């Protein structure tokens, strides 16, 4: 196998654009670069493509789309920008947010032109109107790969990049490992699209010690490779203090856990701790819900709901596929609250008291003790939990993605610690920081990967072509 990969590498020669990582960001970069005529080489250290994108719920945040218009959803860019900045607690780089708002609809149309299909639009965390467009994430990356290959790009699997090659201050390629053998690949430019570091214990302990009790999730390849390579040559970082866990993941290793968990709280469930007490406002963004959960006894809680919420089941979106959880046995089900309390080992009197207090607020008889007045995404109002059967899903926070990393500018150039471009180096996707700030609007992680991946491919191609032109002067 290694000889075959090595031969392919030798046959291809030096690419114009070398892309490290074959998730959504890397493949979007590959297509946009190849569309401009660049010779593109994509390296993926695993034996499959997709990265964290393929493990995501597939929701992408867009504004002004055909799907929104068909559903009667009225949206605008000012609202989109305000939501991103507010959820990020205004720690975001406003220039990156402006680019996202300006380019998101073009990116949506570009992806559709490549064959990516979007479906129902969902309300979700941090959104003042529904913006989360559902799609099959695995099919999306496969569609982009097929298009990149049609345009002449080459993908090599099982190739791990170890170090960036720098000459006279410019990044000119990478040193890679192919089954134990080292190879140097020269390139006109390099795009880092290697994902986050949710699977790197040392980096998590360094940058996110507050996540020590969270489950470590995300793609197996999310080990911080690109972050480390950029760091080694002086790249700056952003948003490192804001790593948070995603609420809703089953806390124990279990083959039935898909990796995304469920968010029944978005549709009307309440969060109950091991004492049977409600402890938070469930309309918060799920990153904040993750923080709240980790402060509870045992660092895990229950999402408790009834048949009214179960009827909002949506198999097309993992986090709303409640019936799928029931089918695999990850939901506790009971006909009475006393029976449910016994199954989840919480005091029945306190569970019933918590639910009755919540139901009274839903009926308008008293204010909600935690201030909940809407469902997530400001769509719909909470309903009483009083229609059997009753359900409970054991949940904790999981570091599925790190949402921070290398500093980039609006054209995806990687910046050094002095705020200067590192010539020849570009980055997109989860390896980058600055866009989310201190919080995350659902759908903007997949959204930014496609959008800034596309930008990185264009910028990297222009740099490579300029370098070639200058070499011939």
Protein backbone atom coordinates (compact mmCIF):
# COMPACT_ATOMS: atom_id res chain seq x y z
CA UNK A 1 0.00 0.00 0.00
CA UNK A 2 2.75 2.47 0.95
CA UNK A 3 4.53 1.87 -2.33
CA UNK A 4 1.34 2.64 -4.21
CA UNK A 5 0.79 5.89 -2.34
CA UNK A 6 4.43 6.83 -2.78
CA UNK A 7 4.22 6.14 -6.51
CA UNK A 8 1.10 8.29 -6.80
CA UNK A 9 2.92 11.06 -4.98
CA UNK A 10 5.91 10.80 -7.26
CA UNK A 11 3.70 10.71 -10.34
CA UNK A 12 1.80 13.82 -9.28
CA UNK A 13 4.87 15.93 -8.54
CA UNK A 14 4.64 19.36 -6.92
CA UNK A 15 1.08 20.71 -6.60
CA UNK A 16 0.09 24.33 -6.89
CA UNK A 17 -2.06 23.92 -3.78
CA UNK A 18 -1.39 21.32 -1.09
CA UNK A 19 -4.40 20.73 1.15
CA UNK A 20 -3.98 18.95 4.47
CA UNK A 21 -7.24 17.37 5.58
CA UNK A 22 -10.24 15.97 3.70
CA UNK A 23 -13.18 17.22 5.72
CA UNK A 24 -15.60 19.83 4.47
CA UNK A 25 -13.13 22.73 4.71
CA UNK A 26 -10.38 20.88 2.87
CA UNK A 27 -12.65 19.58 0.14
CA UNK A 28 -14.30 22.97 -0.36
CA UNK A 29 -10.81 24.44 -0.73
CA UNK A 30 -9.89 21.69 -3.19
CA UNK A 31 -12.91 22.34 -5.42
CA UNK A 32 -12.54 26.14 -5.43
CA UNK A 33 -8.82 25.87 -6.19
CA UNK A 34 -9.34 23.32 -8.93
CA UNK A 35 -12.08 25.46 -10.47
CA UNK A 36 -9.44 28.15 -10.94
CA UNK A 37 -7.17 25.69 -12.71
CA UNK A 38 -4.82 24.85 -9.85
CA UNK A 39 -3.16 21.46 -9.59
CA UNK A 40 -4.48 20.29 -6.23
CA UNK A 41 -3.18 17.55 -3.95
CA UNK A 42 -5.27 16.58 -0.91
CA UNK A 43 -3.67 14.59 1.90
CA UNK A 44 -5.74 12.85 4.56
CA UNK A 45 -4.05 11.06 7.45
CA UNK A 46 -6.95 8.66 7.99
CA UNK A 47 -8.18 5.99 5.59
CA UNK A 48 -11.54 7.75 5.17
CA UNK A 49 -12.61 11.29 4.39
CA UNK A 50 -15.03 13.53 6.24
CA UNK A 51 -13.42 14.42 9.56
CA UNK A 52 -15.74 15.97 12.13
CA UNK A 53 -18.13 17.10 9.40
CA UNK A 54 -19.13 13.51 8.67
CA UNK A 55 -19.89 13.02 12.37
CA UNK A 56 -21.94 16.19 12.70
CA UNK A 57 -25.71 16.63 12.62
CA UNK A 58 -25.35 18.16 9.15
CA UNK A 59 -27.02 21.45 10.06
CA UNK A 60 -25.70 24.55 8.27
CA UNK A 61 -26.74 28.11 9.11
CA UNK A 62 -27.76 30.19 6.09
CA UNK A 63 -29.94 33.25 5.62
CA UNK A 64 -32.13 34.18 2.62
CA UNK A 65 -32.34 30.73 1.05
CA UNK A 66 -35.02 29.16 -1.11
CA UNK A 67 -35.84 26.76 1.70
CA UNK A 68 -36.47 29.60 4.14
CA UNK A 69 -38.63 31.45 1.65
CA UNK A 70 -40.66 28.30 0.93
CA UNK A 71 -41.31 27.90 4.65
CA UNK A 72 -42.31 31.55 5.07
CA UNK A 73 -39.24 32.37 7.18
CA UNK A 74 -38.31 36.05 6.95
CA UNK A 75 -34.61 36.61 7.65
CA UNK A 76 -31.97 39.25 7.02
CA UNK A 77 -28.22 39.67 7.31
CA UNK A 78 -28.39 42.19 10.15
CA UNK A 79 -30.21 39.60 12.26
CA UNK A 80 -27.72 36.88 11.29
CA UNK A 81 -24.77 39.07 12.23
CA UNK A 82 -26.35 40.14 15.50
CA UNK A 83 -27.03 36.52 16.47
CA UNK A 84 -23.45 35.41 15.74
CA UNK A 85 -21.93 38.30 17.67
CA UNK A 86 -24.34 38.03 20.60
CA UNK A 87 -23.84 34.27 20.97
CA UNK A 88 -20.08 34.81 20.73
CA UNK A 89 -20.38 37.43 23.50
CA UNK A 90 -18.77 39.89 21.08
CA UNK A 91 -15.44 38.09 21.41
CA UNK A 92 -15.65 37.23 17.70
CA UNK A 93 -13.44 38.82 15.08
CA UNK A 94 -16.08 41.12 13.49
CA UNK A 95 -14.25 41.09 10.16
CA UNK A 96 -14.68 37.29 9.89
CA UNK A 97 -18.32 37.56 10.89
CA UNK A 98 -18.84 40.20 8.19
CA UNK A 99 -17.29 37.88 5.61
CA UNK A 100 -19.54 35.04 6.69
CA UNK A 101 -22.64 37.20 6.41
CA UNK A 102 -21.58 38.58 3.04
CA UNK A 103 -20.57 35.24 1.49
CA UNK A 104 -22.93 32.72 3.09
CA UNK A 105 -25.69 32.86 0.48
CA UNK A 106 -23.20 32.63 -2.40
CA UNK A 107 -21.59 29.66 -0.65
CA UNK A 108 -24.98 27.99 -0.23
CA UNK A 109 -25.68 28.47 -3.95
CA UNK A 110 -22.18 27.28 -4.85
CA UNK A 111 -22.61 24.10 -2.82
CA UNK A 112 -25.97 23.48 -4.44
CA UNK A 113 -24.40 23.93 -7.86
CA UNK A 114 -21.93 21.19 -6.96
CA UNK A 115 -24.75 18.81 -6.08
CA UNK A 116 -25.15 19.29 -2.32
CA UNK A 117 -28.80 19.03 -1.33
CA UNK A 118 -30.41 20.86 1.59
CA UNK A 119 -33.70 19.99 3.23
CA UNK A 120 -35.89 21.20 6.06
CA UNK A 121 -34.88 24.37 7.94
CA UNK A 122 -34.79 24.00 11.72
CA UNK A 123 -34.76 26.46 14.59
CA UNK A 124 -31.71 26.02 16.77
CA UNK A 125 -29.44 27.52 19.38
CA UNK A 126 -28.47 31.17 18.94
CA UNK A 127 -30.86 31.76 16.04
CA UNK A 128 -33.54 34.43 16.21
CA UNK A 129 -35.27 32.73 13.26
CA UNK A 130 -34.81 29.18 11.87
CA UNK A 131 -31.60 28.96 9.84
CA UNK A 132 -30.28 25.42 10.30
CA UNK A 133 -30.52 23.76 6.88
CA UNK A 134 -30.36 19.99 7.13
CA UNK A 135 -28.20 17.89 4.86
CA UNK A 136 -26.53 14.49 4.93
CA UNK A 137 -22.99 15.42 6.03
CA UNK A 138 -21.33 12.28 4.68
CA UNK A 139 -23.02 12.68 1.32
CA UNK A 140 -21.98 16.35 1.27
CA UNK A 141 -18.27 15.58 1.63
CA UNK A 142 -18.51 12.72 -0.85
CA UNK A 143 -20.17 15.08 -3.34
CA UNK A 144 -17.38 17.64 -2.96
CA UNK A 145 -14.69 15.00 -3.28
CA UNK A 146 -16.25 13.67 -6.47
CA UNK A 147 -16.33 17.15 -7.93
CA UNK A 148 -12.72 17.85 -6.90
CA UNK A 149 -11.55 14.62 -8.53
CA UNK A 150 -13.47 15.44 -11.70
CA UNK A 151 -11.55 18.73 -11.81
CA UNK A 152 -8.21 16.91 -11.60
CA UNK A 153 -7.46 17.01 -7.88
CA UNK A 154 -5.76 13.98 -6.36
CA UNK A 155 -6.53 12.53 -2.91
CA UNK A 156 -4.05 10.41 -0.98
CA UNK A 157 -5.19 8.62 2.18
CA UNK A 158 -3.09 7.39 5.11
CA UNK A 159 -0.64 10.26 4.69
CA UNK A 160 0.13 12.30 7.80
CA UNK A 161 1.64 15.77 7.56
CA UNK A 162 4.24 16.38 10.25
CA UNK A 163 5.82 19.74 9.59
CA UNK A 164 5.54 22.72 7.29
CA UNK A 165 8.45 23.47 5.02
CA UNK A 166 9.60 27.10 5.23
CA UNK A 167 12.05 28.80 2.91
CA UNK A 168 13.00 32.48 3.21
CA UNK A 169 10.00 33.01 5.45
CA UNK A 170 7.52 31.45 3.01
CA UNK A 171 5.67 28.18 3.49
CA UNK A 172 6.63 26.06 0.48
CA UNK A 173 5.24 22.63 1.32
CA UNK A 174 5.13 19.98 4.02
CA UNK A 175 7.03 17.01 5.33
CA UNK A 176 4.75 13.97 5.47
CA UNK A 177 4.89 10.40 6.68
CA UNK A 178 3.76 7.48 4.56
CA UNK A 179 3.86 4.27 6.55
CA UNK A 180 6.98 5.26 8.45
CA UNK A 181 8.87 6.85 5.54
CA UNK A 182 9.39 10.62 5.40
CA UNK A 183 8.74 12.59 2.22
CA UNK A 184 8.97 16.28 1.37
CA UNK A 185 6.24 17.74 -0.83
CA UNK A 186 6.91 21.16 -2.31
CA UNK A 187 3.88 23.26 -3.19
CA UNK A 188 2.93 26.74 -4.32
CA UNK A 189 0.84 27.15 -1.17
CA UNK A 190 -0.53 25.07 1.72
CA UNK A 191 -4.04 24.98 3.18
CA UNK A 192 -4.42 23.64 6.72
CA UNK A 193 -7.82 21.96 7.10
CA UNK A 194 -6.85 19.40 9.71
CA UNK A 195 -9.68 19.93 12.20
CA UNK A 196 -9.55 20.58 15.91
CA UNK A 197 -7.87 18.89 18.86
CA UNK A 198 -10.72 17.21 20.74
CA UNK A 199 -8.81 13.91 20.68
CA UNK A 200 -5.50 15.34 21.92
CA UNK A 201 -5.41 14.96 25.71
CA UNK A 202 -2.31 17.11 26.15
CA UNK A 203 -3.72 20.02 24.16
CA UNK A 204 -7.06 19.81 25.97
CA UNK A 205 -5.28 19.87 29.32
CA UNK A 206 -3.25 22.88 28.18
CA UNK A 207 -6.06 24.93 26.64
CA UNK A 208 -9.25 23.57 28.22
CA UNK A 209 -8.60 22.15 31.70
CA UNK A 210 -12.20 23.05 32.58
CA UNK A 211 -13.29 20.23 30.23
CA UNK A 212 -11.59 17.53 32.31
CA UNK A 213 -14.95 15.87 33.12
CA UNK A 214 -16.35 16.12 29.59
CA UNK A 215 -16.44 13.21 27.18
CA UNK A 216 -13.80 13.47 24.46
CA UNK A 217 -15.56 13.23 21.14
CA UNK A 218 -15.10 14.40 17.59
CA UNK A 219 -13.37 12.63 14.75
CA UNK A 220 -10.53 10.23 15.65
CA UNK A 221 -8.17 12.37 13.56
CA UNK A 222 -8.88 15.56 15.54
CA UNK A 223 -5.50 15.63 17.25
CA UNK A 224 -4.39 19.20 16.59
CA UNK A 225 -1.91 18.43 13.80
CA UNK A 226 -2.46 21.68 11.91
CA UNK A 227 -2.52 23.71 15.10
CA UNK A 228 0.86 22.30 16.10
CA UNK A 229 2.37 22.78 12.65
CA UNK A 230 1.26 26.39 12.56
CA UNK A 231 2.34 27.00 16.15
CA UNK A 232 5.82 25.70 15.35
CA UNK A 233 6.37 28.44 12.75
CA UNK A 234 4.88 31.28 14.79
CA UNK A 235 1.15 31.26 14.01
CA UNK A 236 -1.13 33.03 16.45
CA UNK A 237 -4.26 31.58 18.10
CA UNK A 238 -7.73 32.86 18.90
CA UNK A 239 -10.63 31.77 21.12
CA UNK A 240 -8.59 29.21 23.08
CA UNK A 241 -10.25 30.05 26.44
CA UNK A 242 -13.70 29.32 25.05
CA UNK A 243 -13.54 25.57 24.40
CA UNK A 244 -16.84 24.14 25.59
CA UNK A 245 -18.59 20.81 25.62
CA UNK A 246 -21.77 20.04 23.68
CA UNK A 247 -24.72 18.92 25.82
CA UNK A 248 -26.80 15.86 25.02
CA UNK A 249 -24.23 13.07 24.61
CA UNK A 250 -24.72 9.72 26.35
CA UNK A 251 -21.90 9.76 28.94
CA UNK A 252 -20.72 6.16 28.89
CA UNK A 253 -18.84 4.43 26.05
CA UNK A 254 -21.54 2.67 24.09
CA UNK A 255 -21.68 1.48 20.47
CA UNK A 256 -25.25 2.79 20.29
CA UNK A 257 -24.02 6.38 20.73
CA UNK A 258 -23.75 7.94 17.27
CA UNK A 259 -21.50 10.73 18.50
CA UNK A 260 -24.01 13.57 18.21
CA UNK A 261 -26.39 12.77 21.06
CA UNK A 262 -29.85 14.33 21.10
CA UNK A 263 -31.14 17.75 22.08
CA UNK A 264 -34.68 17.10 23.21
CA UNK A 265 -34.29 20.23 25.34
CA UNK A 266 -34.50 22.23 22.10
CA UNK A 267 -37.98 20.81 21.49
CA UNK A 268 -39.36 21.12 25.02
CA UNK A 269 -37.59 18.67 27.34
CA UNK A 270 -36.23 19.85 30.69
CA UNK A 271 -32.83 19.07 32.23
CA UNK A 272 -32.95 17.27 35.60
CA UNK A 273 -29.98 16.46 37.85
CA UNK A 274 -29.47 13.36 39.99
CA UNK A 275 -31.45 14.95 42.85
CA UNK A 276 -34.51 15.22 40.62
CA UNK A 277 -34.15 18.99 40.38
CA UNK A 278 -34.27 21.22 37.35
CA UNK A 279 -31.19 23.47 37.32
CA UNK A 280 -31.03 25.66 34.17
CA UNK A 281 -32.88 27.52 31.43
CA UNK A 282 -33.02 24.95 28.63
CA UNK A 283 -33.31 27.52 25.87
CA UNK A 284 -29.63 28.41 26.37
CA UNK A 285 -27.13 27.51 23.62
CA UNK A 286 -26.09 23.90 24.07
CA UNK A 287 -22.51 24.90 24.85
CA UNK A 288 -23.78 26.79 27.89
CA UNK A 289 -26.01 23.83 28.73
CA UNK A 290 -22.86 21.70 28.60
CA UNK A 291 -21.14 23.95 31.14
CA UNK A 292 -24.18 23.84 33.42
CA UNK A 293 -24.32 20.04 33.20
CA UNK A 294 -20.66 19.64 34.15
CA UNK A 295 -21.34 21.59 37.36
CA UNK A 296 -24.01 19.10 38.46
CA UNK A 297 -23.36 16.05 40.70
CA UNK A 298 -21.63 13.34 38.70
CA UNK A 299 -21.24 15.72 35.74
CA UNK A 300 -24.29 14.20 34.05
CA UNK A 301 -28.01 14.94 33.97
CA UNK A 302 -31.25 13.74 32.36
CA UNK A 303 -33.28 15.21 29.53
CA UNK A 304 -36.84 14.49 30.60
CA UNK A 305 -39.82 14.84 28.26
CA UNK A 306 -43.18 13.40 27.28
CA UNK A 307 -45.00 12.19 24.20
CA UNK A 308 -45.74 15.77 23.09
CA UNK A 309 -42.00 16.33 22.62
CA UNK A 310 -41.45 12.85 21.18
CA UNK A 311 -43.91 13.73 18.40
CA UNK A 312 -41.40 16.36 17.25
CA UNK A 313 -39.05 13.52 16.34
CA UNK A 314 -37.13 14.09 13.08
CA UNK A 315 -35.08 11.13 11.77
CA UNK A 316 -33.43 13.37 9.14
CA UNK A 317 -31.45 15.21 11.85
CA UNK A 318 -29.47 13.16 14.37
CA UNK A 319 -29.97 15.51 17.31
CA UNK A 320 -33.75 15.40 16.82
CA UNK A 321 -34.00 11.67 16.10
CA UNK A 322 -35.60 10.78 19.42
CA UNK A 323 -37.24 7.59 18.16
CA UNK A 324 -33.84 6.33 17.07
CA UNK A 325 -32.64 6.61 20.65
CA UNK A 326 -35.70 4.75 21.87
CA UNK A 327 -35.14 2.00 19.31
CA UNK A 328 -31.56 1.44 20.48
CA UNK A 329 -32.47 1.47 24.18
CA UNK A 330 -30.75 4.76 25.03
CA UNK A 331 -34.04 6.29 26.22
CA UNK A 332 -35.68 5.27 29.47
CA UNK A 333 -39.44 5.01 28.93
CA UNK A 334 -42.22 4.88 31.53
CA UNK A 335 -45.98 5.30 31.76
CA UNK A 336 -45.84 7.29 34.99
CA UNK A 337 -43.42 9.77 36.53
CA UNK A 338 -43.03 7.49 39.57
CA UNK A 339 -41.92 4.68 37.27
CA UNK A 340 -39.58 7.01 35.38
CA UNK A 341 -38.02 8.25 38.64
CA UNK A 342 -37.33 4.67 39.68
CA UNK A 343 -35.74 3.86 36.32
CA UNK A 344 -33.40 6.87 36.39
CA UNK A 345 -32.74 6.60 40.15
CA UNK A 346 -33.88 10.06 41.24
CA UNK A 347 -36.28 10.92 44.09
CA UNK A 348 -39.81 10.67 42.70
CA UNK A 349 -41.19 13.45 44.88
CA UNK A 350 -38.54 15.92 43.71
CA UNK A 351 -38.86 14.92 40.05
CA UNK A 352 -42.64 15.38 40.19
CA UNK A 353 -42.29 18.68 42.05
CA UNK A 354 -39.81 19.96 39.44
CA UNK A 355 -42.12 18.99 36.59
CA UNK A 356 -45.22 20.43 38.24
CA UNK A 357 -43.46 23.74 38.87
CA UNK A 358 -42.37 23.76 35.20
CA UNK A 359 -45.87 22.84 34.01
CA UNK A 360 -47.38 25.67 36.06
CA UNK A 361 -45.06 28.11 34.29
CA UNK A 362 -46.06 26.64 30.92
CA UNK A 363 -49.71 27.19 31.83
CA UNK A 364 -48.98 30.81 32.75
CA UNK A 365 -49.75 30.30 36.42
CA UNK A 366 -46.30 31.43 37.60
CA UNK A 367 -43.03 32.69 36.12
CA UNK A 368 -40.56 30.04 35.08
CA UNK A 369 -37.98 29.77 37.85
CA UNK A 370 -35.11 29.85 35.34
CA UNK A 371 -36.66 32.34 32.92
CA UNK A 372 -37.56 29.95 30.11
CA UNK A 373 -40.24 31.45 27.88
CA UNK A 374 -39.45 30.01 24.44
CA UNK A 375 -38.05 26.93 22.82
CA UNK A 376 -34.58 27.12 21.30
CA UNK A 377 -34.38 29.40 18.29
CA UNK A 378 -37.32 31.47 19.52
CA UNK A 379 -39.71 29.13 17.72
CA UNK A 380 -42.59 27.80 19.79
CA UNK A 381 -43.39 27.96 23.46
CA UNK A 382 -42.75 25.35 26.16
CA UNK A 383 -45.57 22.88 26.76
CA UNK A 384 -46.42 21.01 29.98
CA UNK A 385 -44.79 17.63 30.47
CA UNK A 386 -47.99 15.71 31.20
CA UNK A 387 -48.67 13.31 28.31
CA UNK A 388 -47.42 9.74 28.83
CA UNK A 389 -45.32 7.90 28.04
CA UNK A 390 -42.47 9.79 29.67
CA UNK A 391 -38.88 9.64 28.49
CA UNK A 392 -35.42 10.35 29.93
CA UNK A 393 -32.05 10.48 28.20
CA UNK A 394 -28.87 10.39 30.28
CA UNK A 395 -26.68 13.23 29.04
CA UNK A 396 -23.38 14.93 29.61
CA UNK A 397 -21.14 17.35 27.74
CA UNK A 398 -18.76 16.17 25.05
CA UNK A 399 -15.94 18.05 23.39
CA UNK A 400 -17.08 17.24 19.86
CA UNK A 401 -15.21 20.17 18.37
CA UNK A 402 -12.90 22.83 19.73
CA UNK A 403 -14.08 25.93 17.80
CA UNK A 404 -10.77 27.74 18.24
CA UNK A 405 -7.31 27.75 16.76
CA UNK A 406 -5.13 29.51 14.21
CA UNK A 407 -5.72 33.19 13.54
CA UNK A 408 -6.73 33.94 9.97
CA UNK A 409 -7.72 37.08 8.10
CA UNK A 410 -10.69 37.56 5.79
CA UNK A 411 -8.90 35.80 2.93
CA UNK A 412 -7.93 32.81 5.11
CA UNK A 413 -4.25 33.77 5.36
CA UNK A 414 -2.76 32.44 8.61
CA UNK A 415 -1.42 35.24 10.80
CA UNK A 416 1.66 35.19 13.02
CA UNK A 417 1.82 36.53 16.57
CA UNK A 418 2.60 40.01 15.21
CA UNK A 419 -0.58 40.10 13.12
CA UNK A 420 1.30 39.56 9.85
CA UNK A 421 0.51 37.05 7.11
CA UNK A 422 2.60 33.91 7.01
CA UNK A 423 3.24 33.81 3.25
CA UNK A 424 1.99 30.68 1.54
CA UNK A 425 -0.05 29.41 4.50
CA UNK A 426 -3.86 29.37 4.60
CA UNK A 427 -6.35 27.67 6.89
CA UNK A 428 -10.07 26.93 7.16
CA UNK A 429 -12.51 24.99 9.28
CA UNK A 430 -12.15 23.83 12.84
CA UNK A 431 -8.38 24.41 12.90
CA UNK A 432 -9.08 28.16 12.91
CA UNK A 433 -10.25 30.58 15.58
CA UNK A 434 -11.73 34.05 15.66
CA UNK A 435 -15.10 33.49 14.05
CA UNK A 436 -17.13 31.98 16.90
CA UNK A 437 -15.75 33.97 19.82
CA UNK A 438 -17.04 32.74 23.18
CA UNK A 439 -20.09 30.92 21.84
CA UNK A 440 -21.43 28.99 18.90
CA UNK A 441 -24.56 29.44 16.81
CA UNK A 442 -25.81 26.04 15.65
CA UNK A 443 -24.92 25.46 12.01
CA UNK A 444 -22.11 27.98 11.82
CA UNK A 445 -19.35 25.42 12.32
CA UNK A 446 -20.31 23.44 9.23
CA UNK A 447 -21.21 26.75 7.61
CA UNK A 448 -17.83 28.37 8.20
CA UNK A 449 -16.00 25.23 7.05
CA UNK A 450 -17.61 25.36 3.62
CA UNK A 451 -17.41 29.12 3.34
CA UNK A 452 -13.85 29.72 4.50
CA UNK A 453 -12.70 26.52 2.81
CA UNK A 454 -13.90 27.97 -0.47
CA UNK A 455 -12.12 31.26 0.28
CA UNK A 456 -8.91 29.45 1.30
CA UNK A 457 -8.84 27.55 -1.99
CA UNK A 458 -9.16 30.76 -3.99
CA UNK A 459 -6.56 32.63 -1.91
CA UNK A 460 -4.10 29.73 -1.98
CA UNK A 461 -4.44 29.44 -5.76
CA UNK A 462 -3.80 33.13 -6.28
CA UNK A 463 -0.73 32.96 -4.07
CA UNK A 464 0.62 29.92 -5.92
CA UNK A 465 0.06 31.50 -9.32
CA UNK A 466 1.68 34.76 -8.20
CA UNK A 467 4.66 32.81 -6.91
CA UNK A 468 4.97 31.06 -10.27
CA UNK A 469 4.73 34.34 -12.15
CA UNK A 470 7.39 35.97 -9.99
CA UNK A 471 9.68 32.98 -10.43
CA UNK A 472 9.63 33.51 -14.18
CA UNK A 473 10.34 37.25 -14.02
